[in-house]
Amino acid sequence: MSAVGGLRGVLEAARALRAAGQRFALALVTDTEGSTYRKAGALAVVADDGARTGTISGGCLEPALVLLCQQVIADGRAGHTVFDTRGDDDLLFGSGSGCRGRMRVVAWPLPGAGDGLLDALLAADADGRALALTVSFDAGTPAWRLADHEEGTAGRPGLANREGRSVGISGRGDSEGDTGNLRATDPLATAASDDIALRIAPVPRVRLLGAGPEAAPLLALGQALGWHLRITDHREGLLADARIPADVPRQALRPAAALAAARPDDAVLVMTHLASADLEALRALAPLPVPYVGLLGPPGRRDELLAMLTDAERAALQPRLRAPVGLFLGGDGPEAIALAIAADLQRHFHAKP
């Protein structure tokens, strides 16, 4: 399965399984209460052979998740269950996690009822937008619909499937493949009128201008976090760095040319280590609706570059300029700088509105 993390890793794994013609299930956390490792909107895919991409817990619930997904694959219809670790008995007879939380999970088989949802997720990812949907339980059977409220029916691409059942399992086990002591839970305690509104945030997008020594470790961190990444530098030799992940798109372009393709959801990092190239990038970024501009380098260098901009360019950049880019975490060297930048980007992507 994909080595890329986050939602991007889940979607890439699902796309690969579909292309290979392998049966799999798409699992979605619809709601939680109490302490849970993942929250509503978390996704995972499980192939019919049990291979999994994505998580819903720290490992204690994954064996039961695999069992749920394999059940819906075999049945050819959606299934759902509740994992409840709030009671004392869960420490002995349940997951053993001690998290004291409750999580509801729905799984759809593919090919089949989950195809429309996967199509919607892939389309939203391609557009760089969030996906708003509603999951409902009519007489205990799960269905989903998009924010436009088109109701789903079985067998129609892009719409949902109302055929499903409550599988009602929980698992105890500390490692992959150990389902431990499976036990029945109460059927999903959901009123027929329950609608759960979900917003699945878009995969973050990061564009690096400059392939200096901190670029490769930063790209590796970004892949683990599941970001869409792209790197450009007008110095082709720097782009040949073997440490740069092979599947990260790279182009030999000047900053202004690279930014001609910038998207309004991009976070842009200006890190060429050349004052002239960084100045070119800042001037090109000033009129663009890019929400995050990170400039690498010390405050004195930042001030000199900003002084070379027009008043209008400075005014346009300053509300979104992070300079020096990165959280102050301590340490030095390329890897420490990459970690500081990744931490600031993660905070930006997950900031509360």
Protein backbone atom coordinates (compact mmCIF):
# COMPACT_ATOMS: atom_id res chain seq x y z
CA MET A 1 0.00 0.00 0.00
CA SER A 2 1.00 3.68 -0.22
CA ALA A 3 3.88 4.94 1.95
CA VAL A 4 2.36 8.43 1.86
CA GLY A 5 0.46 9.37 5.00
CA GLY A 6 -2.78 11.16 5.76
CA LEU A 7 -5.84 11.39 3.54
CA ARG A 8 -3.62 11.52 0.47
CA GLY A 9 -2.22 8.08 1.32
CA VAL A 10 -5.71 6.65 1.78
CA LEU A 11 -6.92 8.05 -1.55
CA GLU A 12 -3.83 6.86 -3.42
CA ALA A 13 -4.23 3.38 -1.96
CA ALA A 14 -7.90 3.32 -2.95
CA ARG A 15 -7.08 4.47 -6.46
CA ALA A 16 -4.42 1.78 -6.82
CA LEU A 17 -6.72 -0.97 -5.54
CA ARG A 18 -9.46 0.12 -7.93
CA ALA A 19 -7.03 0.20 -10.87
CA ALA A 20 -5.82 -3.30 -9.98
CA GLY A 21 -9.38 -4.61 -9.87
CA GLN A 22 -9.01 -5.70 -6.25
CA ARG A 23 -11.98 -5.66 -3.90
CA PHE A 24 -11.71 -3.39 -0.88
CA ALA A 25 -13.75 -1.34 1.58
CA LEU A 26 -13.74 2.36 2.40
CA ALA A 27 -14.23 3.03 6.13
CA LEU A 28 -15.32 6.39 7.56
CA VAL A 29 -15.46 7.57 11.17
CA THR A 30 -18.79 9.40 11.35
CA ASP A 31 -18.80 10.65 14.93
CA THR A 32 -17.01 10.28 18.25
CA GLU A 33 -17.38 11.20 21.89
CA GLY A 34 -14.88 11.19 24.69
CA SER A 35 -11.21 10.45 24.04
CA THR A 36 -10.57 8.87 20.65
CA TYR A 37 -7.37 8.63 18.61
CA ARG A 38 -9.11 9.81 15.43
CA LYS A 39 -12.10 12.09 15.00
CA ALA A 40 -15.07 12.35 12.64
CA GLY A 41 -14.03 12.36 8.98
CA ALA A 42 -11.09 9.97 9.38
CA LEU A 43 -10.86 7.49 6.52
CA ALA A 44 -9.19 4.14 5.92
CA VAL A 45 -9.21 1.53 3.18
CA VAL A 46 -8.92 -2.22 3.72
CA ALA A 47 -8.34 -4.68 0.88
CA ASP A 48 -10.00 -8.08 0.76
CA ASP A 49 -6.70 -9.64 1.82
CA GLY A 50 -6.64 -7.49 4.98
CA ALA A 51 -4.01 -4.98 3.85
CA ARG A 52 -4.89 -1.59 5.31
CA THR A 53 -4.04 2.06 4.70
CA GLY A 54 -5.20 4.62 7.25
CA THR A 55 -5.95 4.37 10.94
CA ILE A 56 -8.86 4.86 13.32
CA SER A 57 -6.93 4.20 16.55
CA GLY A 58 -3.46 3.69 17.92
CA GLY A 59 -3.66 0.07 16.77
CA CYS A 60 -6.07 -1.45 19.28
CA LEU A 61 -9.15 -1.19 17.02
CA GLU A 62 -7.54 -1.92 13.66
CA PRO A 63 -7.96 -5.73 13.81
CA ALA A 64 -11.69 -5.26 14.32
CA LEU A 65 -11.77 -2.61 11.58
CA VAL A 66 -10.23 -5.13 9.17
CA LEU A 67 -12.84 -7.68 10.22
CA LEU A 68 -15.66 -5.17 9.63
CA CYS A 69 -14.32 -4.28 6.19
CA GLN A 70 -13.82 -7.88 5.14
CA GLN A 71 -17.39 -8.58 6.23
CA VAL A 72 -18.86 -5.80 4.07
CA ILE A 73 -16.70 -6.91 1.13
CA ALA A 74 -18.06 -10.44 1.49
CA ASP A 75 -21.64 -9.22 1.93
CA GLY A 76 -21.46 -6.68 -0.89
CA ARG A 77 -23.26 -4.06 1.20
CA ALA A 78 -22.41 -1.34 3.71
CA GLY A 79 -21.86 -2.17 7.35
CA HIS A 80 -21.35 -0.15 10.50
CA THR A 81 -20.42 -0.59 14.12
CA VAL A 82 -19.62 1.28 17.31
CA PHE A 83 -16.36 0.94 19.21
CA ASP A 84 -16.97 1.87 22.85
CA THR A 85 -14.04 1.99 25.26
CA ARG A 86 -15.73 4.07 27.97
CA GLY A 87 -16.51 1.25 30.39
CA ASP A 88 -14.15 -0.42 32.82
CA ASP A 89 -14.84 -3.81 31.26
CA ASP A 90 -13.23 -2.66 28.01
CA LEU A 91 -9.84 -2.79 29.72
CA LEU A 92 -10.29 -6.53 30.30
CA PHE A 93 -12.65 -7.76 27.60
CA GLY A 94 -12.58 -5.09 24.89
CA SER A 95 -9.87 -3.11 23.17
CA GLY A 96 -7.74 -2.67 26.28
CA SER A 97 -6.89 0.88 25.17
CA GLY A 98 -8.11 2.79 28.21
CA CYS A 99 -9.06 5.72 25.96
CA ARG A 100 -12.58 6.12 27.40
CA GLY A 101 -14.21 7.06 24.11
CA ARG A 102 -16.85 6.00 21.63
CA MET A 103 -16.50 5.90 17.86
CA ARG A 104 -18.95 5.04 15.10
CA VAL A 105 -17.54 3.64 11.84
CA VAL A 106 -19.27 2.93 8.53
CA ALA A 107 -17.67 0.81 5.79
CA TRP A 108 -18.72 0.58 2.14
CA PRO A 109 -17.57 -2.11 -0.31
CA LEU A 110 -15.88 -1.34 -3.61
CA PRO A 111 -16.75 -2.13 -6.30
CA GLY A 112 -20.25 -1.37 -5.16
CA ALA A 113 -21.83 1.01 -2.70
CA GLY A 114 -18.60 2.90 -1.98
CA ASP A 115 -17.73 3.83 -5.56
CA GLY A 116 -19.70 7.07 -5.57
CA LEU A 117 -18.17 8.23 -2.31
CA LEU A 118 -14.66 7.48 -3.53
CA ASP A 119 -15.37 9.36 -6.77
CA ALA A 120 -16.55 12.37 -4.74
CA LEU A 121 -13.44 12.25 -2.55
CA LEU A 122 -11.11 12.01 -5.55
CA ALA A 123 -12.87 14.88 -7.33
CA ALA A 124 -12.64 17.09 -4.24
CA ASP A 125 -8.95 16.25 -3.90
CA ALA A 126 -8.27 17.12 -7.53
CA ASP A 127 -10.03 20.47 -7.02
CA GLY A 128 -8.28 21.16 -3.72
CA ARG A 129 -11.56 21.66 -1.85
CA ALA A 130 -13.21 20.24 1.21
CA LEU A 131 -15.95 17.64 0.80
CA ALA A 132 -19.13 18.27 2.75
CA LEU A 133 -21.44 15.29 3.13
CA THR A 134 -24.13 13.92 5.39
CA VAL A 135 -24.30 10.36 6.67
CA SER A 136 -27.73 9.20 7.75
CA PHE A 137 -29.07 6.03 9.32
CA ASP A 138 -32.57 5.24 8.10
CA ALA A 139 -33.84 2.34 10.24
CA GLY A 140 -30.21 1.60 11.08
CA THR A 141 -28.90 1.42 7.50
CA PRO A 142 -26.19 3.92 6.53
CA ALA A 143 -26.36 6.22 3.54
CA TRP A 144 -24.43 9.29 2.50
CA ARG A 145 -25.26 12.32 0.42
CA LEU A 146 -23.31 15.35 -0.71
CA ALA A 147 -23.99 18.84 0.59
CA ASP A 148 -26.32 19.45 -2.35
CA HIS A 149 -28.64 16.93 -0.63
CA GLU A 150 -29.00 14.59 -3.60
CA GLU A 151 -30.11 11.39 -1.93
CA GLY A 152 -28.10 8.29 -2.72
CA THR A 153 -29.44 5.08 -4.17
CA ALA A 154 -27.77 1.78 -4.83
CA GLY A 155 -25.88 1.22 -8.04
CA ARG A 156 -25.73 4.81 -9.28
CA PRO A 157 -22.27 6.35 -9.56
CA GLY A 158 -21.75 9.40 -7.38
CA LEU A 159 -24.67 8.59 -5.12
CA ALA A 160 -24.98 6.52 -1.99
CA ASN A 161 -26.24 3.07 -1.13
CA ARG A 162 -28.91 2.52 1.49
CA GLU A 163 -28.39 -1.21 1.75
CA GLY A 164 -26.43 -1.99 4.89
CA ARG A 165 -26.45 -3.58 8.27
CA SER A 166 -25.08 -3.20 11.77
CA VAL A 167 -22.15 -5.58 12.05
CA GLY A 168 -21.79 -4.85 15.75
CA ILE A 169 -18.26 -5.96 16.56
CA SER A 170 -15.42 -4.67 18.65
CA GLY A 171 -11.94 -6.01 18.89
CA ARG A 172 -9.28 -6.60 21.46
CA GLY A 173 -5.71 -7.01 20.26
CA ASP A 174 -2.47 -5.13 20.42
CA SER A 175 -0.94 -5.98 17.07
CA GLU A 176 -1.81 -6.34 13.42
CA GLY A 177 -3.62 -9.56 12.67
CA ASP A 178 -4.57 -10.23 16.31
CA THR A 179 -8.32 -9.82 16.54
CA GLY A 180 -8.20 -11.00 20.12
CA ASN A 181 -11.52 -11.47 21.83
CA LEU A 182 -14.28 -10.23 19.52
CA ARG A 183 -17.54 -9.44 21.24
CA ALA A 184 -20.89 -8.08 20.20
CA THR A 185 -21.76 -4.48 20.97
CA ASP A 186 -25.20 -2.99 21.11
CA PRO A 187 -26.59 -2.31 17.65
CA LEU A 188 -25.98 1.23 16.53
CA ALA A 189 -28.02 3.27 18.97
CA THR A 190 -29.13 5.80 16.42
CA ALA A 191 -32.52 7.34 15.87
CA ALA A 192 -33.87 6.90 12.37
CA SER A 193 -33.79 10.66 11.86
CA ASP A 194 -30.10 11.07 12.78
CA ASP A 195 -28.11 12.98 10.19
CA ILE A 196 -24.39 13.46 10.74
CA ALA A 197 -22.85 16.38 8.85
CA LEU A 198 -19.19 15.88 7.99
CA ARG A 199 -16.56 18.07 6.41
CA ILE A 200 -13.51 16.28 5.07
CA ALA A 201 -10.75 18.86 4.79
CA PRO A 202 -8.72 19.03 1.59
CA VAL A 203 -5.26 17.55 1.39
CA PRO A 204 -2.76 20.37 2.05
CA ARG A 205 -0.68 21.57 -0.89
CA VAL A 206 2.87 22.88 -0.54
CA ARG A 207 5.02 24.40 -3.26
CA LEU A 208 8.76 24.74 -2.58
CA LEU A 209 10.76 27.36 -4.45
CA GLY A 210 14.32 26.23 -3.96
CA ALA A 211 16.02 22.85 -3.58
CA GLY A 212 18.53 23.72 -0.89
CA PRO A 213 19.74 21.33 1.82
CA GLU A 214 16.55 21.55 3.91
CA ALA A 215 14.27 20.74 0.95
CA ALA A 216 14.74 16.94 0.94
CA PRO A 217 14.01 16.40 4.67
CA LEU A 218 11.08 18.79 4.44
CA LEU A 219 9.63 16.88 1.49
CA ALA A 220 10.04 13.60 3.38
CA LEU A 221 8.13 15.06 6.34
CA GLY A 222 5.46 16.42 4.02
CA GLN A 223 4.95 13.02 2.43
CA ALA A 224 4.61 11.35 5.82
CA LEU A 225 1.99 13.96 6.72
CA GLY A 226 0.16 13.35 3.45
CA TRP A 227 0.64 16.70 1.72
CA HIS A 228 0.63 17.29 -2.03
CA LEU A 229 4.13 18.55 -2.80
CA ARG A 230 5.93 20.22 -5.67
CA ILE A 231 9.44 21.64 -5.91
CA THR A 232 11.02 23.99 -8.45
CA ASP A 233 14.47 25.50 -8.80
CA HIS A 234 16.19 27.11 -11.76
CA ARG A 235 19.38 25.21 -10.83
CA GLU A 236 18.84 21.77 -12.31
CA GLY A 237 21.73 20.24 -10.40
CA LEU A 238 20.01 20.87 -7.06
CA LEU A 239 16.87 19.12 -8.28
CA ALA A 240 18.95 16.00 -8.94
CA ASP A 241 19.46 15.48 -5.18
CA ALA A 242 18.87 11.77 -4.65
CA ARG A 243 17.31 12.47 -1.25
CA ILE A 244 14.32 14.20 -2.84
CA PRO A 245 11.47 11.65 -2.92
CA ALA A 246 11.21 10.26 -6.44
CA ASP A 247 7.47 10.83 -6.77
CA VAL A 248 7.57 14.54 -5.88
CA PRO A 249 7.05 16.58 -9.09
CA ARG A 250 10.04 18.82 -9.83
CA GLN A 251 10.72 21.41 -12.52
CA ALA A 252 13.69 23.58 -13.42
CA LEU A 253 12.03 27.01 -13.45
CA ARG A 254 12.68 30.53 -12.25
CA PRO A 255 10.44 31.52 -9.32
CA ALA A 256 8.14 33.78 -11.35
CA ALA A 257 7.60 31.09 -13.98
CA ALA A 258 6.93 28.47 -11.32
CA LEU A 259 4.35 30.68 -9.62
CA ALA A 260 2.40 31.10 -12.84
CA ALA A 261 0.92 27.68 -12.02
CA ALA A 262 0.31 28.40 -8.31
CA ARG A 263 -3.11 27.51 -6.96
CA PRO A 264 -5.05 29.63 -4.45
CA ASP A 265 -4.84 26.76 -1.95
CA ASP A 266 -1.04 26.42 -2.19
CA ALA A 267 1.28 27.16 0.69
CA VAL A 268 4.44 28.57 -0.89
CA LEU A 269 7.90 28.37 0.62
CA VAL A 270 10.51 30.82 -0.69
CA MET A 271 13.83 29.14 0.10
CA THR A 272 16.27 29.54 -2.80
CA HIS A 273 19.14 30.91 -0.64
CA LEU A 274 19.61 33.55 -3.37
CA ALA A 275 18.48 37.09 -2.60
CA SER A 276 17.69 37.88 -6.24
CA ALA A 277 15.58 34.74 -6.69
CA ASP A 278 13.76 35.24 -3.39
CA LEU A 279 13.00 38.84 -4.35
CA GLU A 280 11.64 37.65 -7.70
CA ALA A 281 9.42 35.18 -5.87
CA LEU A 282 8.08 37.76 -3.41
CA ARG A 283 7.22 40.15 -6.23
CA ALA A 284 5.41 37.39 -8.11
CA LEU A 285 3.54 36.30 -4.96
CA ALA A 286 2.32 39.76 -3.96
CA PRO A 287 -0.72 39.82 -6.32
CA LEU A 288 -1.51 36.11 -5.95
CA PRO A 289 -4.23 34.87 -3.54
CA VAL A 290 -1.84 32.38 -1.90
CA PRO A 291 -2.74 32.17 1.82
CA TYR A 292 0.69 31.21 3.19
CA VAL A 293 4.06 32.61 2.12
CA GLY A 294 7.05 31.32 4.05
CA LEU A 295 10.41 33.04 3.60
CA LEU A 296 13.55 31.24 4.77
CA GLY A 297 16.33 33.30 6.30
CA PRO A 298 17.11 35.58 9.25
CA PRO A 299 15.15 38.75 10.12
CA GLY A 300 17.82 41.08 8.75
CA ARG A 301 17.72 39.41 5.34
CA ARG A 302 13.91 39.52 5.39
CA ASP A 303 13.95 43.25 6.11
CA GLU A 304 16.38 43.93 3.26
CA LEU A 305 14.20 42.01 0.81
CA LEU A 306 11.01 43.71 1.95
CA ALA A 307 12.68 47.12 1.61
CA MET A 308 13.20 46.40 -2.10
CA LEU A 309 9.47 45.86 -2.67
CA THR A 310 6.96 48.58 -3.40
CA ASP A 311 4.63 49.74 -0.65
CA ALA A 312 1.75 47.96 -2.40
CA GLU A 313 3.70 44.70 -2.65
CA ARG A 314 4.66 44.82 1.04
CA ALA A 315 1.09 45.55 2.07
CA ALA A 316 -0.20 42.64 -0.01
CA LEU A 317 2.33 40.18 1.40
CA GLN A 318 2.61 41.03 5.07
CA PRO A 319 -0.70 39.56 6.36
CA ARG A 320 0.30 36.12 5.05
CA LEU A 321 4.09 36.28 5.26
CA ARG A 322 5.89 33.99 7.70
CA ALA A 323 9.43 35.28 7.93
CA PRO A 324 11.56 33.75 9.22
CA VAL A 325 9.46 30.72 8.36
CA GLY A 326 9.15 27.93 10.92
CA LEU A 327 8.39 27.50 14.60
CA PHE A 328 11.28 28.09 16.97
CA LEU A 329 11.92 24.55 18.20
CA GLY A 330 15.65 24.75 18.80
CA GLY A 331 18.49 22.99 17.04
CA ASP A 332 20.23 23.82 13.79
CA GLY A 333 21.05 22.26 10.45
CA PRO A 334 18.85 21.29 7.49
CA GLU A 335 16.82 18.64 9.32
CA ALA A 336 16.00 20.91 12.26
CA ILE A 337 15.01 23.71 9.88
CA ALA A 338 12.81 21.31 7.91
CA LEU A 339 11.09 20.16 11.11
CA ALA A 340 10.46 23.76 12.19
CA ILE A 341 8.93 24.62 8.81
CA ALA A 342 6.79 21.47 8.76
CA ALA A 343 5.51 22.25 12.26
CA ASP A 344 4.46 25.77 11.25
CA LEU A 345 2.76 24.47 8.11
CA GLN A 346 0.90 21.84 10.13
CA ARG A 347 -0.32 24.54 12.51
CA HIS A 348 -1.45 26.67 9.56
CA PHE A 349 -3.32 23.84 7.85
CA HIS A 350 -5.18 22.86 11.02
CA ALA A 351 -5.84 26.30 12.51
CA LYS A 352 -9.34 26.83 13.82
CA PRO A 353 -11.34 29.23 11.64
